[in-house]
Amino acid sequence: MTPSQLRAKIVSERIQWIRKMVERIRKLPLEGYEEFNSDSRNIAAAESYLRRGLEALMDLGRHILAKGFGYAATEYKEIPKVLAQNGVLTNQEAHLMRKLAGYRNRMVHFYHEIPGQELYSICSRQLEDIENLTGAMARWIKENPDKIDQTL
């Protein structure tokens, strides 16, 4: 695969989608587990928003690798490693993103093993991780304007 330029529209759409999913999670009743768990729709919504936000985060990373470096990532868990190798993420950020990729895979393939308490804990205490990784990739993109194709 030959490197080209990141598509500004794709980057913008993925970042907005991630932010939208995090915002929707924050609108759920996260003040206490009992209230969160009192309506099964809260759990379903949190799971959907979290999974879709994580998928968009991985897709953003995959787009950076494909267009910016000509690297075709085939699995979510390899995206953070290669982003770190290319200076997009720090090793610490890559480690965190790899954990989130694993959690997304767990949500998709082992959804029946994720208790509501665990989902509540992540949604009420760890959304900053997603925001920080999104911010790290956005900063790298901003610092590398020559890697962006601004045409529609």
N, C-alpha and C. Protein backbone atom coordinates (compact mmCIF):
# COMPACT_ATOMS: atom_id res chain seq x y z
N MET A 1 0.85 -1.17 0.00
CA MET A 1 0.00 0.00 0.00
C MET A 1 0.90 1.24 0.00
N THR A 2 0.58 2.19 -0.83
CA THR A 2 1.36 3.41 -0.94
C THR A 2 0.76 4.51 -0.08
N PRO A 3 1.59 5.20 0.70
CA PRO A 3 1.05 6.33 1.48
C PRO A 3 0.51 7.41 0.56
N SER A 4 -0.53 8.07 1.00
CA SER A 4 -1.08 9.21 0.27
C SER A 4 -1.37 10.29 1.30
N GLN A 5 -2.55 10.84 1.29
CA GLN A 5 -2.90 11.86 2.27
C GLN A 5 -4.19 11.46 2.98
N LEU A 6 -4.27 11.85 4.24
CA LEU A 6 -5.48 11.62 5.02
C LEU A 6 -6.59 12.48 4.45
N ARG A 7 -7.79 11.94 4.43
CA ARG A 7 -8.94 12.70 3.96
C ARG A 7 -9.50 13.50 5.12
N ALA A 8 -9.49 14.81 4.99
CA ALA A 8 -9.97 15.69 6.05
C ALA A 8 -11.41 15.36 6.44
N LYS A 9 -12.24 15.04 5.47
CA LYS A 9 -13.64 14.73 5.73
C LYS A 9 -13.76 13.48 6.59
N ILE A 10 -13.00 12.45 6.29
CA ILE A 10 -13.06 11.21 7.06
C ILE A 10 -12.57 11.45 8.48
N VAL A 11 -11.46 12.17 8.62
CA VAL A 11 -10.92 12.48 9.94
C VAL A 11 -11.95 13.24 10.76
N SER A 12 -12.53 14.26 10.18
CA SER A 12 -13.52 15.07 10.87
C SER A 12 -14.75 14.25 11.27
N GLU A 13 -15.25 13.43 10.35
CA GLU A 13 -16.42 12.61 10.64
C GLU A 13 -16.15 11.63 11.78
N ARG A 14 -14.98 11.00 11.80
CA ARG A 14 -14.66 10.03 12.86
C ARG A 14 -14.54 10.73 14.21
N ILE A 15 -13.86 11.86 14.24
CA ILE A 15 -13.69 12.59 15.50
C ILE A 15 -15.05 13.05 16.02
N GLN A 16 -15.89 13.58 15.15
CA GLN A 16 -17.23 14.02 15.57
C GLN A 16 -18.07 12.85 16.07
N TRP A 17 -17.94 11.71 15.43
CA TRP A 17 -18.71 10.53 15.84
C TRP A 17 -18.26 10.08 17.23
N ILE A 18 -16.96 10.03 17.47
CA ILE A 18 -16.44 9.64 18.78
C ILE A 18 -16.99 10.59 19.85
N ARG A 19 -16.89 11.87 19.59
CA ARG A 19 -17.38 12.87 20.56
C ARG A 19 -18.88 12.72 20.81
N LYS A 20 -19.63 12.44 19.76
CA LYS A 20 -21.07 12.28 19.88
C LYS A 20 -21.41 11.06 20.75
N MET A 21 -20.69 9.95 20.56
CA MET A 21 -20.94 8.75 21.35
C MET A 21 -20.60 8.99 22.83
N VAL A 22 -19.49 9.66 23.09
CA VAL A 22 -19.11 9.96 24.47
C VAL A 22 -20.15 10.90 25.10
N GLU A 23 -20.59 11.88 24.36
CA GLU A 23 -21.61 12.82 24.86
C GLU A 23 -22.90 12.08 25.20
N ARG A 24 -23.29 11.15 24.37
CA ARG A 24 -24.53 10.40 24.63
C ARG A 24 -24.38 9.51 25.87
N ILE A 25 -23.21 8.94 26.06
CA ILE A 25 -22.98 8.15 27.27
C ILE A 25 -23.12 9.05 28.49
N ARG A 26 -22.54 10.23 28.41
CA ARG A 26 -22.59 11.16 29.55
C ARG A 26 -24.00 11.61 29.89
N LYS A 27 -24.92 11.51 28.95
CA LYS A 27 -26.32 11.89 29.20
C LYS A 27 -27.11 10.79 29.90
N LEU A 28 -26.51 9.61 30.02
CA LEU A 28 -27.17 8.52 30.74
C LEU A 28 -27.09 8.78 32.24
N PRO A 29 -27.93 8.14 33.03
CA PRO A 29 -27.88 8.35 34.48
C PRO A 29 -26.67 7.61 35.09
N LEU A 30 -25.58 8.32 35.22
CA LEU A 30 -24.33 7.72 35.69
C LEU A 30 -23.98 8.12 37.12
N GLU A 31 -24.92 8.72 37.84
CA GLU A 31 -24.64 9.16 39.21
C GLU A 31 -24.49 7.99 40.16
N GLY A 32 -25.15 6.89 39.86
CA GLY A 32 -25.07 5.69 40.70
C GLY A 32 -25.51 4.47 39.92
N TYR A 33 -24.95 3.33 40.28
CA TYR A 33 -25.25 2.10 39.54
C TYR A 33 -26.73 1.72 39.63
N GLU A 34 -27.35 1.92 40.78
CA GLU A 34 -28.74 1.52 40.94
C GLU A 34 -29.64 2.23 39.94
N GLU A 35 -29.43 3.54 39.81
CA GLU A 35 -30.25 4.30 38.84
C GLU A 35 -29.93 3.86 37.41
N PHE A 36 -28.66 3.69 37.10
CA PHE A 36 -28.24 3.23 35.77
C PHE A 36 -28.88 1.89 35.45
N ASN A 37 -28.87 0.99 36.40
CA ASN A 37 -29.36 -0.38 36.21
C ASN A 37 -30.87 -0.50 36.30
N SER A 38 -31.55 0.56 36.75
CA SER A 38 -33.00 0.49 36.96
C SER A 38 -33.79 0.37 35.65
N ASP A 39 -33.16 0.74 34.55
CA ASP A 39 -33.81 0.66 33.23
C ASP A 39 -32.84 -0.05 32.29
N SER A 40 -33.22 -1.19 31.80
CA SER A 40 -32.33 -1.99 30.94
C SER A 40 -31.93 -1.24 29.66
N ARG A 41 -32.71 -0.25 29.31
CA ARG A 41 -32.35 0.53 28.11
C ARG A 41 -31.07 1.32 28.33
N ASN A 42 -30.78 1.69 29.56
CA ASN A 42 -29.53 2.40 29.86
C ASN A 42 -28.32 1.53 29.53
N ILE A 43 -28.40 0.27 29.93
CA ILE A 43 -27.30 -0.66 29.67
C ILE A 43 -27.14 -0.88 28.17
N ALA A 44 -28.25 -1.08 27.48
CA ALA A 44 -28.20 -1.29 26.03
C ALA A 44 -27.63 -0.06 25.32
N ALA A 45 -28.07 1.11 25.73
CA ALA A 45 -27.58 2.34 25.11
C ALA A 45 -26.10 2.53 25.39
N ALA A 46 -25.69 2.34 26.64
CA ALA A 46 -24.28 2.51 27.00
C ALA A 46 -23.40 1.56 26.20
N GLU A 47 -23.84 0.32 26.09
CA GLU A 47 -23.06 -0.67 25.34
C GLU A 47 -22.94 -0.27 23.87
N SER A 48 -24.03 0.15 23.29
CA SER A 48 -24.01 0.55 21.88
C SER A 48 -23.14 1.78 21.65
N TYR A 49 -23.33 2.81 22.47
CA TYR A 49 -22.55 4.04 22.31
C TYR A 49 -21.06 3.78 22.53
N LEU A 50 -20.74 2.99 23.53
CA LEU A 50 -19.33 2.70 23.82
C LEU A 50 -18.70 1.90 22.69
N ARG A 51 -19.37 0.87 22.24
CA ARG A 51 -18.83 0.06 21.15
C ARG A 51 -18.63 0.88 19.87
N ARG A 52 -19.63 1.68 19.53
CA ARG A 52 -19.53 2.47 18.31
C ARG A 52 -18.46 3.56 18.43
N GLY A 53 -18.31 4.13 19.61
CA GLY A 53 -17.24 5.11 19.83
C GLY A 53 -15.87 4.47 19.71
N LEU A 54 -15.71 3.28 20.27
CA LEU A 54 -14.43 2.58 20.17
C LEU A 54 -14.13 2.18 18.74
N GLU A 55 -15.14 1.75 18.01
CA GLU A 55 -14.93 1.39 16.61
C GLU A 55 -14.50 2.60 15.79
N ALA A 56 -15.10 3.74 16.05
CA ALA A 56 -14.71 4.96 15.34
C ALA A 56 -13.28 5.37 15.70
N LEU A 57 -12.90 5.18 16.96
CA LEU A 57 -11.53 5.48 17.39
C LEU A 57 -10.54 4.60 16.63
N MET A 58 -10.85 3.31 16.53
CA MET A 58 -9.97 2.39 15.80
C MET A 58 -9.95 2.72 14.31
N ASP A 59 -11.12 3.09 13.77
CA ASP A 59 -11.19 3.45 12.35
C ASP A 59 -10.37 4.71 12.05
N LEU A 60 -10.36 5.65 12.97
CA LEU A 60 -9.53 6.85 12.82
C LEU A 60 -8.06 6.44 12.77
N GLY A 61 -7.66 5.60 13.69
CA GLY A 61 -6.28 5.11 13.69
C GLY A 61 -5.94 4.35 12.43
N ARG A 62 -6.86 3.52 11.98
CA ARG A 62 -6.64 2.74 10.74
C ARG A 62 -6.50 3.68 9.54
N HIS A 63 -7.29 4.74 9.49
CA HIS A 63 -7.21 5.71 8.38
C HIS A 63 -5.85 6.41 8.39
N ILE A 64 -5.38 6.80 9.57
CA ILE A 64 -4.06 7.44 9.68
C ILE A 64 -2.98 6.50 9.17
N LEU A 65 -3.06 5.26 9.54
CA LEU A 65 -2.05 4.29 9.10
C LEU A 65 -2.12 4.04 7.59
N ALA A 66 -3.32 3.85 7.09
CA ALA A 66 -3.48 3.54 5.67
C ALA A 66 -3.04 4.69 4.78
N LYS A 67 -3.57 5.86 5.05
CA LYS A 67 -3.28 7.00 4.19
C LYS A 67 -1.95 7.67 4.52
N GLY A 68 -1.65 7.81 5.79
CA GLY A 68 -0.43 8.51 6.18
C GLY A 68 0.84 7.71 6.04
N PHE A 69 0.72 6.37 6.20
CA PHE A 69 1.93 5.55 6.22
C PHE A 69 1.87 4.36 5.26
N GLY A 70 0.76 4.20 4.56
CA GLY A 70 0.65 3.10 3.62
C GLY A 70 0.60 1.74 4.30
N TYR A 71 0.08 1.70 5.51
CA TYR A 71 0.02 0.45 6.27
C TYR A 71 -1.43 0.00 6.41
N ALA A 72 -1.73 -1.20 5.96
CA ALA A 72 -3.08 -1.74 6.03
C ALA A 72 -3.21 -2.63 7.27
N ALA A 73 -3.77 -2.08 8.32
CA ALA A 73 -3.99 -2.85 9.55
C ALA A 73 -5.17 -3.78 9.35
N THR A 74 -5.00 -5.03 9.75
CA THR A 74 -6.07 -6.00 9.57
C THR A 74 -6.83 -6.26 10.86
N GLU A 75 -6.22 -5.96 12.01
CA GLU A 75 -6.88 -6.17 13.29
C GLU A 75 -6.78 -4.92 14.14
N TYR A 76 -7.83 -4.67 14.92
CA TYR A 76 -7.84 -3.50 15.78
C TYR A 76 -6.64 -3.45 16.72
N LYS A 77 -6.24 -4.58 17.26
CA LYS A 77 -5.16 -4.59 18.25
C LYS A 77 -3.80 -4.22 17.67
N GLU A 78 -3.62 -4.32 16.37
CA GLU A 78 -2.33 -3.94 15.80
C GLU A 78 -2.25 -2.43 15.51
N ILE A 79 -3.39 -1.77 15.42
CA ILE A 79 -3.42 -0.34 15.09
C ILE A 79 -2.61 0.49 16.09
N PRO A 80 -2.82 0.34 17.40
CA PRO A 80 -2.07 1.16 18.36
C PRO A 80 -0.55 0.95 18.28
N LYS A 81 -0.16 -0.29 18.11
CA LYS A 81 1.27 -0.62 18.03
C LYS A 81 1.94 0.13 16.88
N VAL A 82 1.32 0.09 15.72
CA VAL A 82 1.90 0.73 14.53
C VAL A 82 1.78 2.25 14.63
N LEU A 83 0.73 2.75 15.26
CA LEU A 83 0.64 4.19 15.48
C LEU A 83 1.79 4.67 16.36
N ALA A 84 2.14 3.90 17.38
CA ALA A 84 3.26 4.26 18.26
C ALA A 84 4.58 4.16 17.50
N GLN A 85 4.74 3.14 16.69
CA GLN A 85 5.98 2.97 15.92
C GLN A 85 6.21 4.14 14.97
N ASN A 86 5.13 4.79 14.56
CA ASN A 86 5.23 5.91 13.62
C ASN A 86 5.11 7.27 14.32
N GLY A 87 5.12 7.28 15.64
CA GLY A 87 5.13 8.54 16.38
C GLY A 87 3.80 9.24 16.51
N VAL A 88 2.72 8.57 16.15
CA VAL A 88 1.40 9.19 16.29
C VAL A 88 0.96 9.15 17.75
N LEU A 89 1.21 8.04 18.41
CA LEU A 89 0.89 7.86 19.82
C LEU A 89 2.15 7.57 20.61
N THR A 90 2.14 7.87 21.88
CA THR A 90 3.23 7.45 22.77
C THR A 90 3.01 5.96 23.07
N ASN A 91 4.01 5.32 23.62
CA ASN A 91 3.87 3.91 24.00
C ASN A 91 2.76 3.74 25.03
N GLN A 92 2.65 4.67 25.95
CA GLN A 92 1.61 4.60 26.98
C GLN A 92 0.23 4.73 26.35
N GLU A 93 0.08 5.66 25.41
CA GLU A 93 -1.20 5.82 24.72
C GLU A 93 -1.53 4.58 23.90
N ALA A 94 -0.52 4.02 23.26
CA ALA A 94 -0.73 2.81 22.45
C ALA A 94 -1.17 1.65 23.34
N HIS A 95 -0.58 1.54 24.52
CA HIS A 95 -0.97 0.48 25.45
C HIS A 95 -2.44 0.63 25.83
N LEU A 96 -2.85 1.85 26.14
CA LEU A 96 -4.25 2.11 26.49
C LEU A 96 -5.17 1.80 25.31
N MET A 97 -4.80 2.23 24.12
CA MET A 97 -5.64 2.00 22.95
C MET A 97 -5.76 0.50 22.65
N ARG A 98 -4.68 -0.23 22.88
CA ARG A 98 -4.73 -1.69 22.69
C ARG A 98 -5.73 -2.32 23.67
N LYS A 99 -5.74 -1.84 24.91
CA LYS A 99 -6.70 -2.35 25.88
C LYS A 99 -8.13 -2.04 25.44
N LEU A 100 -8.34 -0.84 24.91
CA LEU A 100 -9.67 -0.47 24.43
C LEU A 100 -10.08 -1.31 23.22
N ALA A 101 -9.13 -1.61 22.36
CA ALA A 101 -9.41 -2.48 21.20
C ALA A 101 -9.83 -3.86 21.69
N GLY A 102 -9.14 -4.36 22.70
CA GLY A 102 -9.50 -5.65 23.27
C GLY A 102 -10.88 -5.63 23.90
N TYR A 103 -11.20 -4.53 24.55
CA TYR A 103 -12.52 -4.41 25.16
C TYR A 103 -13.61 -4.35 24.09
N ARG A 104 -13.36 -3.65 23.03
CA ARG A 104 -14.33 -3.59 21.94
C ARG A 104 -14.55 -5.00 21.38
N ASN A 105 -13.48 -5.75 21.19
CA ASN A 105 -13.62 -7.11 20.68
C ASN A 105 -14.42 -7.98 21.67
N ARG A 106 -14.17 -7.77 22.94
CA ARG A 106 -14.91 -8.50 23.96
C ARG A 106 -16.39 -8.14 23.91
N MET A 107 -16.69 -6.86 23.70
CA MET A 107 -18.08 -6.42 23.60
C MET A 107 -18.79 -7.09 22.42
N VAL A 108 -18.08 -7.28 21.33
CA VAL A 108 -18.69 -7.84 20.13
C VAL A 108 -18.81 -9.36 20.23
N HIS A 109 -17.77 -10.02 20.70
CA HIS A 109 -17.74 -11.48 20.66
C HIS A 109 -18.14 -12.16 21.97
N PHE A 110 -17.99 -11.46 23.10
CA PHE A 110 -18.31 -12.05 24.40
C PHE A 110 -19.26 -11.15 25.19
N TYR A 111 -20.17 -10.52 24.45
CA TYR A 111 -21.11 -9.56 25.02
C TYR A 111 -21.87 -10.14 26.21
N HIS A 112 -22.14 -11.41 26.17
CA HIS A 112 -22.91 -12.06 27.23
C HIS A 112 -22.12 -12.19 28.54
N GLU A 113 -20.81 -11.93 28.48
CA GLU A 113 -19.97 -12.04 29.67
C GLU A 113 -19.69 -10.68 30.34
N ILE A 114 -20.22 -9.61 29.79
CA ILE A 114 -19.96 -8.27 30.34
C ILE A 114 -21.10 -7.88 31.27
N PRO A 115 -20.82 -7.84 32.57
CA PRO A 115 -21.88 -7.46 33.51
C PRO A 115 -22.18 -5.96 33.46
N GLY A 116 -23.38 -5.61 33.81
CA GLY A 116 -23.80 -4.21 33.81
C GLY A 116 -22.93 -3.34 34.70
N GLN A 117 -22.49 -3.87 35.83
CA GLN A 117 -21.64 -3.12 36.76
C GLN A 117 -20.33 -2.72 36.08
N GLU A 118 -19.76 -3.62 35.30
CA GLU A 118 -18.51 -3.32 34.59
C GLU A 118 -18.72 -2.23 33.55
N LEU A 119 -19.79 -2.34 32.80
CA LEU A 119 -20.11 -1.34 31.79
C LEU A 119 -20.35 0.01 32.45
N TYR A 120 -21.09 0.02 33.55
CA TYR A 120 -21.33 1.25 34.30
C TYR A 120 -20.01 1.87 34.75
N SER A 121 -19.14 1.07 35.29
CA SER A 121 -17.86 1.56 35.79
C SER A 121 -17.04 2.24 34.68
N ILE A 122 -17.00 1.62 33.54
CA ILE A 122 -16.26 2.19 32.40
C ILE A 122 -16.90 3.51 31.96
N CYS A 123 -18.22 3.50 31.82
CA CYS A 123 -18.91 4.70 31.34
C CYS A 123 -18.86 5.84 32.34
N SER A 124 -18.80 5.54 33.61
CA SER A 124 -18.82 6.60 34.61
C SER A 124 -17.42 7.06 35.01
N ARG A 125 -16.38 6.29 34.68
CA ARG A 125 -15.03 6.63 35.16
C ARG A 125 -13.93 6.67 34.11
N GLN A 126 -14.19 6.18 32.89
CA GLN A 126 -13.07 6.03 31.97
C GLN A 126 -13.29 6.64 30.58
N LEU A 127 -14.29 7.46 30.42
CA LEU A 127 -14.52 8.07 29.11
C LEU A 127 -13.38 8.99 28.69
N GLU A 128 -12.67 9.54 29.68
CA GLU A 128 -11.54 10.41 29.38
C GLU A 128 -10.47 9.69 28.57
N ASP A 129 -10.36 8.37 28.76
CA ASP A 129 -9.38 7.61 27.99
C ASP A 129 -9.66 7.72 26.50
N ILE A 130 -10.91 7.60 26.13
CA ILE A 130 -11.30 7.71 24.72
C ILE A 130 -11.04 9.13 24.22
N GLU A 131 -11.41 10.11 25.03
CA GLU A 131 -11.19 11.51 24.64
C GLU A 131 -9.71 11.83 24.51
N ASN A 132 -8.90 11.32 25.41
CA ASN A 132 -7.46 11.59 25.36
C ASN A 132 -6.82 10.97 24.12
N LEU A 133 -7.22 9.77 23.77
CA LEU A 133 -6.66 9.13 22.57
C LEU A 133 -7.11 9.84 21.30
N THR A 134 -8.37 10.26 21.28
CA THR A 134 -8.86 11.03 20.14
C THR A 134 -8.06 12.32 20.02
N GLY A 135 -7.85 12.98 21.15
CA GLY A 135 -7.07 14.21 21.17
C GLY A 135 -5.64 14.01 20.71
N ALA A 136 -5.03 12.90 21.11
CA ALA A 136 -3.65 12.61 20.71
C ALA A 136 -3.55 12.46 19.19
N MET A 137 -4.49 11.75 18.60
CA MET A 137 -4.45 11.58 17.14
C MET A 137 -4.78 12.90 16.44
N ALA A 138 -5.72 13.65 16.97
CA ALA A 138 -6.06 14.96 16.38
C ALA A 138 -4.87 15.91 16.45
N ARG A 139 -4.14 15.89 17.56
CA ARG A 139 -2.94 16.75 17.67
C ARG A 139 -1.89 16.35 16.64
N TRP A 140 -1.68 15.04 16.47
CA TRP A 140 -0.69 14.59 15.49
C TRP A 140 -1.09 15.06 14.09
N ILE A 141 -2.35 14.96 13.78
CA ILE A 141 -2.84 15.39 12.46
C ILE A 141 -2.61 16.90 12.30
N LYS A 142 -2.93 17.66 13.34
CA LYS A 142 -2.74 19.12 13.28
C LYS A 142 -1.26 19.48 13.13
N GLU A 143 -0.39 18.71 13.75
CA GLU A 143 1.05 18.97 13.67
C GLU A 143 1.66 18.50 12.34
N ASN A 144 0.88 17.78 11.55
CA ASN A 144 1.36 17.26 10.27
C ASN A 144 0.40 17.65 9.14
N PRO A 145 0.23 18.94 8.90
CA PRO A 145 -0.75 19.38 7.90
C PRO A 145 -0.43 18.90 6.49
N ASP A 146 0.82 18.59 6.23
CA ASP A 146 1.19 18.09 4.91
C ASP A 146 0.63 16.70 4.64
N LYS A 147 0.13 16.03 5.67
CA LYS A 147 -0.44 14.69 5.51
C LYS A 147 -1.94 14.72 5.21
N ILE A 148 -2.53 15.94 5.12
CA ILE A 148 -3.98 16.07 4.96
C ILE A 148 -4.34 16.52 3.55
N ASP A 149 -5.32 15.82 2.98
CA ASP A 149 -5.93 16.26 1.73
C ASP A 149 -7.20 17.00 2.11
N GLN A 150 -7.24 18.28 1.86
CA GLN A 150 -8.36 19.12 2.27
C GLN A 150 -9.51 19.14 1.26
N THR A 151 -9.34 18.53 0.11
CA THR A 151 -10.41 18.56 -0.90
C THR A 151 -11.57 17.69 -0.48
N LEU A 152 -12.74 18.06 -0.92
CA LEU A 152 -13.95 17.29 -0.63
C LEU A 152 -14.02 16.21 -1.64
